[in-house]
Amino acid sequence: MTAPFPPLAHHFTPGAAPTVIFLPGYASDMSGAKALALEAWASRTGRAYLRFDYRGCGTSGGDFADQRLADWRDDVVAVIDAVAGPVVLVGSSMGGWLMLLAALARPERVAALVGIAAAPDFTDWGFTTDEKMTILSEGRIERTNPYGPAPTLYTRAFWSSGEALRLMAGVIAVDAPVRLIHGMADPDVPYLRSVRLAELLRSADVQTILIKDGDHRLSRVGDIAMLIRTIEDLMS
């Protein structure tokens, strides 16, 4: 570690650089299958690895309802500043949006990016017009959560912050190697979003990996093996 670590719950596995940092999706945390599988891989192979919870998520302090996309971007940047050497950011869903924002903020530190069903700009395309109007008028909406018992909350503060940080209106000035893994059966983030993202990234070293029967989470044994191979290929 270099700078003091921000007040966020985290687990750090020391090892060889670059440090792989896992960025969870919206309303998720560092205890998911992909985050833990990467930790086990890092331990086996002697790689530096970090998983953490954004503020208001998991076991980090703060109220989830108070958080904005910009706050979580700042958490990622602070974590990058707290570790030594280059980093590889692995972003799942909304984490894929945050990895892009962090790469723009710290281009000299980011060695590579790996998106898993990356969802930049989902505050735009991920909500119906009626939902957007409800968020603006009532300050929040709740959706049925297909991955857990509690509904998923979206607030006006988060949505407005996301709208201010949209990236996909033009060229995205990221020059690091990028790998975008996406399931073609993803019900939440259409895989063509990754195809379009690949077009907009300025880097010439961009590959899109489509898994025909893959869902949104891509947490099956074969999906995680693909993720690990992708990271290892980037590092080699």
Foldseek 3Di string as FASTA:
>chain_A
DADDQPQWDKDKDAFDDDEEEEAEAALAACPDLLNVVVVVVCVVVRHIYMGTGQDCHDPGHDPSLPDALVSSLVNVLRRLVVDDAAYEYEAAACGLQSVLSSCVVCVVRYQEYEYQLHHQLCLPVQDDPVLVVCQVPVFKDWACDPVDHDTRIDGNRHSVRSVVSGDLPAARAHAHAYEYEYECAEPRRHLVVVVSVQVRYPHPRYYYHYDDHDYRVLNDPVSSVVVVVVVVVSVD
